[in-house]
Amino acid sequence: MKRYALILGILILAACGRAGEGTYELDAAYTYLGADFPLEPPLDYSSTAPDYITRDNRLDGDVDNRKATLGRVLFYDKQLSLNNSIACGSCHIQAHAFGDSSQQSIGLDGGLTSRQSMRLVNTRFAALPAMFWDRRAINLRNQVTQPIEDHIEMGFSGTGDQPGFDSLLTKLQGLQYYSELFDWAFEQEGTTINKQRIAQALEHFVSSIESFDSRFDEGFAAAGDIQGSYSNFTPAENRGKFLFRAQPQLDNQNVRISGGAGCAGCHRPPEFDIDPMSGNNGVDKEAGNPAGFDTTNTRSPSLRDIFGPDGSVNTPMMHTGNFLEFTTIVEHYNEVIPDVNNRTVDERLVRGLTSVKLELTSTERADLEAFIRTLTGSNMYSDERWSTPF
């Protein structure tokens, strides 16, 4: 431990190449922090979202390349945890659309989070700025430092025997590379490292993560809307698209007699973000606690990139992480069972104490999954801008 602390204490940021090139790397002898990335010019973090993507909840316009670069370092640096074991990128993994492949994320000393870590892809492109499953953070900038201050996740909670956020600031101020990077990112020598600037840099980085190179995007761009058949889709994918977007026609017993499944009522294309007016989805248990009751979860990540490029599910689904296959998602929504203790369930799923019964056939269920698979992109999973610099 003493040797490890000493190594961290003597890390230096060295300029490489000709003067003015501005490429910085940490001393190669220190493999843990062997970062190597260009600073002049920085990588371009500007959005390439197509014109038909109109929802945008960023606080102050376009992403700043310098602040996003600093945010990238902060996002992947385990120094932001109390025992140097956890980074934001430990639970929000690029290979999984910036979600976690585990049902519950592992924090300090093996502690488990109470909810599944939400995928961060396309966080910016949603009408609802609030973050976390229960919307307790008013926006992304408010959210990004909360895991750092969580007693289970990263440990600078200020509760019990854990130090508070000020201790993290002291820690980062002692790392020479952060003095250099904060000065560079905020374009002022002697920039103070504080919570506000950490949040701002992380928010610029996370809000830059996007995925718009899917087969759906190809079809939408060619057709101009979501209504008709897409020439690049299979018949099953087009049928699934209809089921997704069309509202169900119900009889007086709330049984579907025609139409679609109405998924687009809550998950609105082409962003596939959650309708801000959505109630909870009837999954009322706490993660890892079948007896626990939790009906505050009314937010959802974008439905884009539920599946990875290899065809497998990127992360367990729902706030509980109990849904490991997409088929179980469809089964759940096929008929959400009413619960007298759940009074905030979305009325599109349960009306009074009567379920909306979609009665999807096995073919329709397969068609819906086929459509959801068209929402998967490819570039996000390998783009250097969002990969670890360490």
Foldseek 3Di string as FASTA:
>chain_A
DVVVVVVQLPKDWDDDDDPPQQWIFIDVVPVVRGFTAHVVPADDLWDPDDPVLDAFDDDDDTQDRLLLLVLLQQQPFLLLFPVSPDGVCQAQPLQLLGHHADLFDAAPPRDTDFWGGARLAQLGRANQQFDDQLSPQRHQLSPPCVLSLDCGHRFQVCPDPTHHPVVSQVSLVSRNVSQVSVCSSVVHHPDRDDSNSNSSSNSSNSNSRYFQAFLVNVQCVVVVHLPADGPSADPLLNLLSFQQCWDFDADPLLEGPDGHLPNCVQQPPPQRFGDPPAFFALPAAIAPGNVHGHRSRGGHHRLFSCDEPVGAGSHQDDGNSPRRDVLVVCVCQQWRQFDPVHPRHGCSQQPPRHGNHHPDDPSNSVSNVSNSVRRYGHCSSPPPSNDRSD
